[in-house]
C-alpha atoms as a PDB file:
ATOM      1  CA  MET A   1      44.118  69.573 -36.613  1.00  0.00           C
ATOM      2  CA  ILE A   2      46.395  66.638 -37.359  1.00  0.00           C
ATOM      3  CA  GLY A   3      49.008  67.930 -34.869  1.00  0.00           C
ATOM      4  CA  MET A   4      46.366  68.196 -32.142  1.00  0.00           C
ATOM      5  CA  ALA A   5      45.193  64.572 -32.748  1.00  0.00           C
ATOM      6  CA  LYS A   6      48.864  63.339 -32.567  1.00  0.00           C
ATOM      7  CA  ALA A   7      49.320  65.049 -29.277  1.00  0.00           C
ATOM      8  CA  ARG A   8      46.228  63.613 -27.773  1.00  0.00           C
ATOM      9  CA  ALA A   9      47.383  60.110 -28.814  1.00  0.00           C
ATOM     10  CA  ARG A  10      50.789  60.665 -27.189  1.00  0.00           C
ATOM     11  CA  THR A  11      49.150  61.726 -23.851  1.00  0.00           C
ATOM     12  CA  THR A  12      46.827  58.622 -23.857  1.00  0.00           C
ATOM     13  CA  THR A  13      49.766  56.297 -24.418  1.00  0.00           C
ATOM     14  CA  ARG A  14      51.607  57.945 -21.563  1.00  0.00           C
ATOM     15  CA  LYS A  15      48.717  57.471 -19.102  1.00  0.00           C
ATOM     16  CA  VAL A  16      48.285  53.760 -19.836  1.00  0.00           C
ATOM     17  CA  LYS A  17      50.415  51.722 -17.491  1.00  0.00           C
ATOM     18  CA  ASP A  18      50.997  48.003 -17.167  1.00  0.00           C
ATOM     19  CA  ARG A  19      49.451  47.053 -13.812  1.00  0.00           C
ATOM     20  CA  TRP A  20      50.838  43.581 -13.831  1.00  0.00           C
ATOM     21  CA  LYS A  21      54.403  44.863 -13.465  1.00  0.00           C
ATOM     22  CA  SER A  22      53.420  46.871 -10.363  1.00  0.00           C
ATOM     23  CA  LYS A  23      51.918  43.762  -8.658  1.00  0.00           C
ATOM     24  CA  ASN A  24      53.744  41.456  -6.305  1.00  0.00           C
ATOM     25  CA  TRP A  25      53.422  37.752  -5.435  1.00  0.00           C
ATOM     26  CA  TYR A  26      52.238  36.755  -1.912  1.00  0.00           C
ATOM     27  CA  GLN A  27      52.216  33.362  -0.300  1.00  0.00           C
ATOM     28  CA  ILE A  28      49.019  32.472   1.554  1.00  0.00           C
ATOM     29  CA  LEU A  29      49.457  30.332   4.697  1.00  0.00           C
ATOM     30  CA  ALA A  30      46.854  28.279   6.511  1.00  0.00           C
ATOM     31  CA  PRO A  31      45.993  29.030  10.097  1.00  0.00           C
ATOM     32  CA  SER A  32      47.567  27.309  13.186  1.00  0.00           C
ATOM     33  CA  LEU A  33      44.855  24.510  13.099  1.00  0.00           C
ATOM     34  CA  PHE A  34      46.573  23.243  10.014  1.00  0.00           C
ATOM     35  CA  ASN A  35      50.144  23.980  11.038  1.00  0.00           C
ATOM     36  CA  ASN A  36      50.559  27.122   8.798  1.00  0.00           C
ATOM     37  CA  ILE A  37      50.866  25.122   5.593  1.00  0.00           C
ATOM     38  CA  PRO A  38      51.215  27.155   2.383  1.00  0.00           C
ATOM     39  CA  ILE A  39      48.005  26.837   0.394  1.00  0.00           C
ATOM     40  CA  ALA A  40      48.206  29.256  -2.406  1.00  0.00           C
ATOM     41  CA  GLU A  41      49.929  32.191  -4.019  1.00  0.00           C
ATOM     42  CA  THR A  42      48.242  35.375  -5.280  1.00  0.00           C
ATOM     43  CA  LEU A  43      49.049  38.742  -6.892  1.00  0.00           C
ATOM     44  CA  ALA A  44      48.271  42.195  -5.414  1.00  0.00           C
ATOM     45  CA  GLU A  45      49.427  45.774  -5.758  1.00  0.00           C
ATOM     46  CA  THR A  46      49.528  46.458  -2.130  1.00  0.00           C
ATOM     47  CA  PRO A  47      49.212  44.434   1.040  1.00  0.00           C
ATOM     48  CA  GLU A  48      46.015  46.161   2.023  1.00  0.00           C
ATOM     49  CA  ASN A  49      44.264  44.724  -1.108  1.00  0.00           C
ATOM     50  CA  LEU A  50      44.896  41.166   0.255  1.00  0.00           C
ATOM     51  CA  ILE A  51      43.004  41.688   3.565  1.00  0.00           C
ATOM     52  CA  GLY A  52      39.536  39.935   3.337  1.00  0.00           C
ATOM     53  CA  ARG A  53      40.362  37.868   0.318  1.00  0.00           C
ATOM     54  CA  VAL A  54      38.950  34.332   0.540  1.00  0.00           C
ATOM     55  CA  SER A  55      40.819  31.268  -0.677  1.00  0.00           C
ATOM     56  CA  GLU A  56      39.136  27.782  -1.006  1.00  0.00           C
ATOM     57  CA  VAL A  57      41.158  24.671  -0.522  1.00  0.00           C
ATOM     58  CA  SER A  58      40.291  20.974  -0.360  1.00  0.00           C
ATOM     59  CA  LEU A  59      40.964  19.145   2.890  1.00  0.00           C
ATOM     60  CA  GLN A  60      42.802  16.493   0.944  1.00  0.00           C
ATOM     61  CA  ASP A  61      45.482  19.002   0.017  1.00  0.00           C
ATOM     62  CA  LEU A  62      45.880  19.996   3.627  1.00  0.00           C
ATOM     63  CA  THR A  63      46.013  16.534   5.314  1.00  0.00           C
ATOM     64  CA  ASN A  64      47.073  14.376   2.367  1.00  0.00           C
ATOM     65  CA  ASP A  65      44.073  12.135   3.081  1.00  0.00           C
ATOM     66  CA  PHE A  66      42.088  11.164  -0.072  1.00  0.00           C
ATOM     67  CA  ARG A  67      39.030  10.311   2.014  1.00  0.00           C
ATOM     68  CA  LYS A  68      38.538  14.047   2.860  1.00  0.00           C
ATOM     69  CA  ALA A  69      38.550  15.203  -0.728  1.00  0.00           C
ATOM     70  CA  HIS A  70      34.778  16.101  -0.499  1.00  0.00           C
ATOM     71  CA  ILE A  71      35.354  18.690   2.223  1.00  0.00           C
ATOM     72  CA  LYS A  72      36.232  22.355   1.207  1.00  0.00           C
ATOM     73  CA  MET A  73      37.871  24.686   3.704  1.00  0.00           C
ATOM     74  CA  LEU A  74      37.556  28.495   3.394  1.00  0.00           C
ATOM     75  CA  PHE A  75      40.154  30.832   4.650  1.00  0.00           C
ATOM     76  CA  SER A  76      40.169  34.650   4.666  1.00  0.00           C
ATOM     77  CA  VAL A  77      43.349  36.807   4.811  1.00  0.00           C
ATOM     78  CA  ASP A  78      43.598  38.909   7.968  1.00  0.00           C
ATOM     79  CA  LYS A  79      47.340  39.808   8.251  1.00  0.00           C
ATOM     80  CA  VAL A  80      50.187  40.427   5.812  1.00  0.00           C
ATOM     81  CA  GLU A  81      53.953  40.328   6.727  1.00  0.00           C
ATOM     82  CA  GLN A  82      56.406  41.060   3.895  1.00  0.00           C
ATOM     83  CA  ASN A  83      55.485  38.505   1.186  1.00  0.00           C
ATOM     84  CA  THR A  84      53.403  36.129   3.327  1.00  0.00           C
ATOM     85  CA  ALA A  85      49.603  36.473   4.054  1.00  0.00           C
ATOM     86  CA  HIS A  86      48.256  34.829   7.130  1.00  0.00           C
ATOM     87  CA  THR A  87      44.729  33.541   7.254  1.00  0.00           C
ATOM     88  CA  GLN A  88      41.942  32.634   9.628  1.00  0.00           C
ATOM     89  CA  LEU A  89      39.329  30.044   9.255  1.00  0.00           C
ATOM     90  CA  LYS A  90      36.043  31.193   7.682  1.00  0.00           C
ATOM     91  CA  GLY A  91      34.116  27.875   7.517  1.00  0.00           C
ATOM     92  CA  SER A  92      33.842  24.551   5.803  1.00  0.00           C
ATOM     93  CA  GLN A  93      31.487  23.043   3.254  1.00  0.00           C
ATOM     94  CA  LEU A  94      30.710  19.740   1.424  1.00  0.00           C
ATOM     95  CA  THR A  95      30.955  19.505  -2.308  1.00  0.00           C
ATOM     96  CA  SER A  96      27.747  19.347  -4.242  1.00  0.00           C
ATOM     97  CA  ASP A  97      28.498  16.080  -6.086  1.00  0.00           C
ATOM     98  CA  TYR A  98      29.081  14.397  -2.722  1.00  0.00           C
ATOM     99  CA  LEU A  99      25.599  15.547  -1.586  1.00  0.00           C
ATOM    100  CA  ARG A 100      23.957  14.432  -4.782  1.00  0.00           C
ATOM    101  CA  ARG A 101      25.430  10.854  -4.419  1.00  0.00           C
ATOM    102  CA  MET A 102      23.801  10.368  -0.975  1.00  0.00           C
ATOM    103  CA  ILE A 103      20.343  11.732  -1.846  1.00  0.00           C
ATOM    104  CA  ARG A 104      18.142   9.343  -3.756  1.00  0.00           C
ATOM    105  CA  ARG A 105      14.440   8.902  -4.607  1.00  0.00           C
ATOM    106  CA  ARG A 106      11.963   7.733  -1.880  1.00  0.00           C
ATOM    107  CA  LYS A 107      14.168   9.063   0.881  1.00  0.00           C
ATOM    108  CA  SER A 108      13.815  11.902   3.200  1.00  0.00           C
ATOM    109  CA  ARG A 109      16.294  14.638   3.872  1.00  0.00           C
ATOM    110  CA  VAL A 110      16.199  16.644   7.170  1.00  0.00           C
ATOM    111  CA  ASP A 111      18.146  19.922   7.161  1.00  0.00           C
ATOM    112  CA  GLY A 112      18.909  22.212  10.126  1.00  0.00           C
ATOM    113  CA  VAL A 113      20.503  25.520  10.838  1.00  0.00           C
ATOM    114  CA  PHE A 114      21.607  26.120  14.391  1.00  0.00           C
ATOM    115  CA  PRO A 115      23.712  28.890  16.033  1.00  0.00           C
ATOM    116  CA  VAL A 116      26.458  27.516  18.354  1.00  0.00           C
ATOM    117  CA  GLU A 117      28.597  29.392  20.892  1.00  0.00           C
ATOM    118  CA  THR A 118      31.856  27.682  21.791  1.00  0.00           C
ATOM    119  CA  ARG A 119      33.695  27.728  25.042  1.00  0.00           C
ATOM    120  CA  ASP A 120      36.141  30.386  23.956  1.00  0.00           C
ATOM    121  CA  GLY A 121      33.424  32.803  22.881  1.00  0.00           C
ATOM    122  CA  ALA A 122      33.248  32.086  19.159  1.00  0.00           C
ATOM    123  CA  LEU A 123      29.913  32.129  17.327  1.00  0.00           C
ATOM    124  CA  LEU A 124      29.181  29.635  14.545  1.00  0.00           C
ATOM    125  CA  ARG A 125      26.343  28.814  12.264  1.00  0.00           C
ATOM    126  CA  VAL A 126      26.169  24.998  11.793  1.00  0.00           C
ATOM    127  CA  LYS A 127      24.082  23.361   9.112  1.00  0.00           C
ATOM    128  CA  PRO A 128      23.782  19.586   9.519  1.00  0.00           C
ATOM    129  CA  PHE A 129      21.618  17.211   7.461  1.00  0.00           C
ATOM    130  CA  ALA A 130      20.217  13.740   7.968  1.00  0.00           C
ATOM    131  CA  ILE A 131      19.079  11.102   5.402  1.00  0.00           C
ATOM    132  CA  ALA A 132      16.425   8.509   6.223  1.00  0.00           C
ATOM    133  CA  GLU A 133      15.832   5.210   4.308  1.00  0.00           C
ATOM    134  CA  LYS A 134      12.128   5.974   3.614  1.00  0.00           C
ATOM    135  CA  ARG A 135       9.886   8.916   3.706  1.00  0.00           C
ATOM    136  CA  ILE A 136       9.160  10.051   7.175  1.00  0.00           C
ATOM    137  CA  GLN A 137       6.489  12.308   8.790  1.00  0.00           C
ATOM    138  CA  SER A 138       7.028  15.868   9.674  1.00  0.00           C
ATOM    139  CA  SER A 139       6.744  15.098  13.377  1.00  0.00           C
ATOM    140  CA  GLN A 140       9.677  12.705  13.157  1.00  0.00           C
ATOM    141  CA  LYS A 141      11.632  15.321  11.245  1.00  0.00           C
ATOM    142  CA  LYS A 142      10.933  17.757  14.050  1.00  0.00           C
ATOM    143  CA  LEU A 143      12.251  15.296  16.659  1.00  0.00           C
ATOM    144  CA  ILE A 144      15.435  14.783  14.617  1.00  0.00           C
ATOM    145  CA  ARG A 145      16.025  18.529  14.387  1.00  0.00           C
ATOM    146  CA  ASN A 146      15.588  18.885  18.160  1.00  0.00           C
ATOM    147  CA  VAL A 147      18.226  16.100  18.672  1.00  0.00           C
ATOM    148  CA  MET A 148      20.562  17.928  16.268  1.00  0.00           C
ATOM    149  CA  ASN A 149      20.182  21.134  18.179  1.00  0.00           C
ATOM    150  CA  ASP A 150      20.648  19.586  21.670  1.00  0.00           C
ATOM    151  CA  VAL A 151      23.854  17.654  20.642  1.00  0.00           C
ATOM    152  CA  ILE A 152      25.467  20.579  18.781  1.00  0.00           C
ATOM    153  CA  THR A 153      24.915  23.053  21.567  1.00  0.00           C
ATOM    154  CA  LYS A 154      26.177  20.684  24.174  1.00  0.00           C
ATOM    155  CA  GLU A 155      29.282  19.891  22.170  1.00  0.00           C
ATOM    156  CA  GLY A 156      29.893  23.596  21.382  1.00  0.00           C
ATOM    157  CA  LYS A 157      29.841  24.727  25.005  1.00  0.00           C
ATOM    158  CA  ALA A 158      32.338  21.983  26.018  1.00  0.00           C
ATOM    159  CA  LYS A 159      34.932  22.592  23.296  1.00  0.00           C
ATOM    160  CA  THR A 160      36.880  25.447  21.683  1.00  0.00           C
ATOM    161  CA  LEU A 161      36.489  26.679  18.165  1.00  0.00           C
ATOM    162  CA  ASN A 162      39.397  24.586  16.773  1.00  0.00           C
ATOM    163  CA  ALA A 163      38.274  21.480  18.592  1.00  0.00           C
ATOM    164  CA  PHE A 164      34.681  21.882  17.421  1.00  0.00           C
ATOM    165  CA  ILE A 165      35.661  22.376  13.766  1.00  0.00           C
ATOM    166  CA  ARG A 166      38.030  19.391  13.996  1.00  0.00           C
ATOM    167  CA  ASP A 167      35.211  17.129  15.301  1.00  0.00           C
ATOM    168  CA  CYS A 168      32.963  18.390  12.504  1.00  0.00           C
ATOM    169  CA  ILE A 169      35.478  17.542   9.837  1.00  0.00           C
ATOM    170  CA  ASP A 170      36.293  14.051  11.297  1.00  0.00           C
ATOM    171  CA  GLY A 171      32.562  13.203  11.609  1.00  0.00           C
ATOM    172  CA  LYS A 172      32.375  12.858  15.420  1.00  0.00           C
ATOM    173  CA  ILE A 173      29.552  15.349  15.687  1.00  0.00           C
ATOM    174  CA  GLY A 174      27.535  13.466  13.056  1.00  0.00           C
ATOM    175  CA  SER A 175      28.084  10.141  14.792  1.00  0.00           C
ATOM    176  CA  GLU A 176      27.022  11.616  18.139  1.00  0.00           C
ATOM    177  CA  ILE A 177      23.739  12.967  16.608  1.00  0.00           C
ATOM    178  CA  TYR A 178      23.256   9.439  14.881  1.00  0.00           C
ATOM    179  CA  LYS A 179      23.470   7.681  18.220  1.00  0.00           C
ATOM    180  CA  ASN A 180      20.827   9.890  19.877  1.00  0.00           C
ATOM    181  CA  CYS A 181      18.514   9.817  16.766  1.00  0.00           C
ATOM    182  CA  LYS A 182      18.249   6.021  16.916  1.00  0.00           C
ATOM    183  CA  VAL A 183      15.675   6.324  19.683  1.00  0.00           C
ATOM    184  CA  TYR A 184      13.171   8.037  17.381  1.00  0.00           C
ATOM    185  CA  TYR A 185      13.972   6.673  13.913  1.00  0.00           C
ATOM    186  CA  PRO A 186      16.779   4.632  12.413  1.00  0.00           C
ATOM    187  CA  VAL A 187      18.490   7.368  10.352  1.00  0.00           C
ATOM    188  CA  LYS A 188      20.865   6.149   7.577  1.00  0.00           C
ATOM    189  CA  ARG A 189      23.405   8.989   7.671  1.00  0.00           C
ATOM    190  CA  ILE A 190      24.093  12.340   9.417  1.00  0.00           C
ATOM    191  CA  GLU A 191      26.734  14.830   8.554  1.00  0.00           C
ATOM    192  CA  VAL A 192      27.537  18.534   8.915  1.00  0.00           C
ATOM    193  CA  ASN A 193      27.020  20.125   5.534  1.00  0.00           C
ATOM    194  CA  LYS A 194      28.313  23.596   6.243  1.00  0.00           C
ATOM    195  CA  THR A 195      29.917  25.657   9.025  1.00  0.00           C
ATOM    196  CA  GLU A 196      30.200  29.473   9.079  1.00  0.00           C
ATOM    197  CA  ILE A 197      32.192  31.502  11.655  1.00  0.00           C
ATOM    198  CA  VAL A 198      30.176  34.597  12.528  1.00  0.00           C
ATOM    199  CA  ARG A 199      32.433  35.796  15.423  1.00  0.00           C
ATOM    200  CA  LEU A 200      35.930  34.981  16.261  1.00  0.00           C
ATOM    201  CA  PRO A 201      36.970  33.713  19.789  1.00  0.00           C
ATOM    202  CA  THR A 202      36.996  36.378  22.480  1.00  0.00           C
ATOM    203  CA  ILE A 203      39.009  34.327  25.033  1.00  0.00           C
ATOM    204  CA  MET A 204      42.304  32.624  24.351  1.00  0.00           C
ATOM    205  CA  ILE A 205      42.181  28.976  25.448  1.00  0.00           C
ATOM    206  CA  GLU A 206      44.838  26.495  24.477  1.00  0.00           C
ATOM    207  CA  ASP A 207      43.667  23.256  22.844  1.00  0.00           C
ATOM    208  CA  GLU A 208      44.220  20.083  24.903  1.00  0.00           C
ATOM    209  CA  LYS A 209      46.894  17.977  23.270  1.00  0.00           C
ATOM    210  CA  PRO A 210      46.929  14.180  23.720  1.00  0.00           C
ATOM    211  CA  GLU A 211      49.570  12.966  26.159  1.00  0.00           C
ATOM    212  CA  GLU A 212      52.355  11.000  24.434  1.00  0.00           C
ATOM    213  CA  LYS A 213      53.648   8.134  26.524  1.00  0.00           C
ATOM    214  CA  GLU A 214      57.455   8.129  26.576  1.00  0.00           C
ATOM    215  CA  GLU A 215      58.939   4.807  25.953  1.00  0.00           C
ATOM    216  CA  PRO A 216      61.866   3.815  28.323  1.00  0.00           C
ATOM    217  CA  PRO A 217      65.167   3.682  26.488  1.00  0.00           C
ATOM    218  CA  LYS A 218      66.263   0.302  25.456  1.00  0.00           C
ATOM    219  CA  GLU A 219      69.578  -0.846  26.955  1.00  0.00           C
ATOM    220  CA  THR A 220      72.197  -2.156  24.482  1.00  0.00           C
ATOM    221  CA  PRO A 221      74.500  -5.008  25.502  1.00  0.00           C
ATOM    222  CA  GLU A 222      77.392  -2.558  25.306  1.00  0.00           C
ATOM    223  CA  ASP A 223      75.842  -0.282  27.906  1.00  0.00           C
ATOM    224  CA  LYS A 224      75.505  -2.981  30.569  1.00  0.00           C
ATOM    225  CA  PRO A 225      78.363  -3.020  33.199  1.00  0.00           C
ATOM    226  CA  VAL A 226      80.491  -6.065  33.745  1.00  0.00           C
ATOM    227  CA  GLU A 227      79.269  -6.593  37.307  1.00  0.00           C
ATOM    228  CA  GLU A 228      75.658  -6.889  36.125  1.00  0.00           C
ATOM    229  CA  GLU A 229      76.625  -9.654  33.771  1.00  0.00           C
ATOM    230  CA  ILE A 230      78.393 -11.516  36.584  1.00  0.00           C
ATOM    231  CA  THR A 231      75.370 -11.298  38.853  1.00  0.00           C
ATOM    232  CA  SER A 232      73.166 -12.442  36.014  1.00  0.00           C
ATOM    233  CA  ILE A 233      75.240 -15.617  35.488  1.00  0.00           C
ATOM    234  CA  LYS A 234      75.332 -16.583  39.270  1.00  0.00           C
ATOM    235  CA  PRO A 235      71.627 -16.976  39.873  1.00  0.00           C
ATOM    236  CA  ALA A 236      71.406 -19.231  36.747  1.00  0.00           C
ATOM    237  CA  GLU A 237      73.914 -21.617  38.289  1.00  0.00           C
ATOM    238  CA  GLU A 238      72.041 -21.624  41.543  1.00  0.00           C
ATOM    239  CA  GLU A 239      68.783 -22.410  39.825  1.00  0.00           C
ATOM    240  CA  VAL A 240      70.439 -25.314  38.113  1.00  0.00           C
ATOM    241  CA  THR A 241      71.644 -26.784  41.397  1.00  0.00           C
ATOM    242  CA  GLN A 242      68.232 -26.339  42.975  1.00  0.00           C
ATOM    243  CA  GLU A 243      66.511 -28.038  40.043  1.00  0.00           C
ATOM    244  CA  GLU A 244      68.892 -31.032  40.481  1.00  0.00           C
ATOM    245  CA  GLN A 245      68.073 -31.261  44.086  1.00  0.00           C
ATOM    246  CA  GLU A 246      64.386 -30.911  43.644  1.00  0.00           C
ATOM    247  CA  THR A 247      64.023 -33.463  40.814  1.00  0.00           C
ATOM    248  CA  PRO A 248      62.559 -36.653  42.252  1.00  0.00           C
ATOM    249  CA  VAL A 249      64.483 -39.850  42.014  1.00  0.00           C
ATOM    250  CA  GLU A 250      63.247 -41.994  39.137  1.00  0.00           C
ATOM    251  CA  GLU A 251      61.865 -45.357  40.066  1.00  0.00           C
ATOM    252  CA  GLU A 252      64.069 -48.290  39.016  1.00  0.00           C
ATOM    253  CA  LEU A 253      62.651 -50.068  35.941  1.00  0.00           C
ATOM    254  CA  PRO A 254      62.204 -53.768  36.200  1.00  0.00           C
ATOM    255  CA  SER A 255      65.220 -55.720  34.974  1.00  0.00           C
ATOM    256  CA  GLU A 256      65.089 -57.942  31.900  1.00  0.00           C
ATOM    257  CA  GLU A 257      65.399 -61.031  34.085  1.00  0.00           C
ATOM    258  CA  GLU A 258      62.048 -60.319  35.813  1.00  0.00           C
ATOM    259  CA  GLU A 259      60.371 -59.865  32.454  1.00  0.00           C
ATOM    260  CA  LYS A 260      61.702 -63.103  31.065  1.00  0.00           C
ATOM    261  CA  PRO A 261      59.421 -65.486  33.132  1.00  0.00           C
ATOM    262  CA  LYS A 262      56.369 -63.652  31.743  1.00  0.00           C
ATOM    263  CA  LYS A 263      57.543 -64.348  28.238  1.00  0.00           C
ATOM    264  CA  LYS A 264      58.228 -68.085  29.076  1.00  0.00           C
ATOM    265  CA  GLY A 265      54.732 -68.404  30.392  1.00  0.00           C
ATOM    266  CA  LYS A 266      53.295 -67.182  27.211  1.00  0.00           C
ATOM    267  CA  ALA A 267      55.567 -69.643  25.259  1.00  0.00           C
ATOM    268  CA  LYS A 268      54.304 -72.530  27.423  1.00  0.00           C
ATOM    269  CA  VAL A 269      50.629 -71.722  26.746  1.00  0.00           C
ATOM    270  CA  ALA A 270      51.339 -71.625  22.992  1.00  0.00           C
ATOM    271  CA  LYS A 271      53.096 -75.126  23.216  1.00  0.00           C
ATOM    272  CA  LYS A 272      50.134 -76.677  24.979  1.00  0.00           C
ATOM    273  CA  LYS A 273      47.799 -75.371  22.325  1.00  0.00           C
ATOM    274  CA  THR A 274      49.900 -76.922  19.536  1.00  0.00           C
ATOM    275  CA  ALA A 275      50.132 -80.179  21.393  1.00  0.00           C
ATOM    276  CA  ARG A 276      46.340 -80.435  21.743  1.00  0.00           C
ATOM    277  CA  LYS A 277      45.904 -79.794  17.984  1.00  0.00           C
ATOM    278  CA  LYS A 278      48.367 -82.678  17.231  1.00  0.00           C
ATOM    279  CA  THR A 279      46.569 -85.088  19.444  1.00  0.00           C
ATOM    280  CA  THR A 280      43.190 -84.301  17.861  1.00  0.00           C
ATOM    281  CA  LYS A 281      44.690 -84.880  14.414  1.00  0.00           C
ATOM    282  CA  LYS A 282      46.143 -88.312  15.544  1.00  0.00           C
ATOM    283  CA  LYS A 283      42.803 -89.407  16.979  1.00  0.00           C
ATOM    284  CA  LYS A 284      41.050 -88.624  13.680  1.00  0.00           C
ATOM    285  CA  GLU A 285      43.605 -90.642  11.714  1.00  0.00           C
ATOM    286  CA  GLN A 286      43.291 -93.622  14.158  1.00  0.00           C
ATOM    287  CA  ALA A 287      39.541 -93.636  13.988  1.00  0.00           C
ATOM    288  CA  PRO A 288      38.152 -96.618  11.956  1.00  0.00           C
ATOM    289  CA  GLU A 289      36.816 -95.688   8.612  1.00  0.00           C
END
């Protein structure tokens, strides 16, 4: 009996294997929308086990912008090549603490869920929300939801999946809804809380890139030929001669001799005044006491 127990213990020890040793490390890359940046590393026994695995990354880590720390991006693995796993965008979401900071007492929150089909055939589920300064009526909430639906469907039809997701992240969709909602009620804030990709694009359409204006190359003084320098000097000399010819002749100032009589006249007037004062003093002295 003791020998049988020992044999069974040996067989159980042989069957147990260390699974960690059989696993390999794989690097997960972001999709082309974020320039295939490495976002994480994970373990897996086989590449097939990685397909469908979802990784969550903050937008701050992808763009190095601390203002986007409240947005979470979700990526799912769809292809594995050697030790790198390529992903595709699954959706985006705002953090719960960011939502709690905006929602206060005596305020109304309007939520909406709308299906959107983009220009390249992708299907999304978009969940925006609006916050009002005061409590509003249900009829006003309905009008705000209708505006949300109109703007989101219009923007989705005119843009591709990547462009639409980029506008949702940057806040352009929320600002467009905010402008149209002003007519019905002055809403405080509108943002896209969550986006879910239900169907991937069926048509390949390249995203429009902004045109970069090429600046003309600056010429250095060494690059200029000698002939250009000579021609640049000649017109300057001609301009000087023209300016000398065009300058009007200055009027001759009056000489000092002409100014002297004026000064003499002033001196005579002063002498007359002093003479009158002397005569008045003499008369007062001669007057009988």
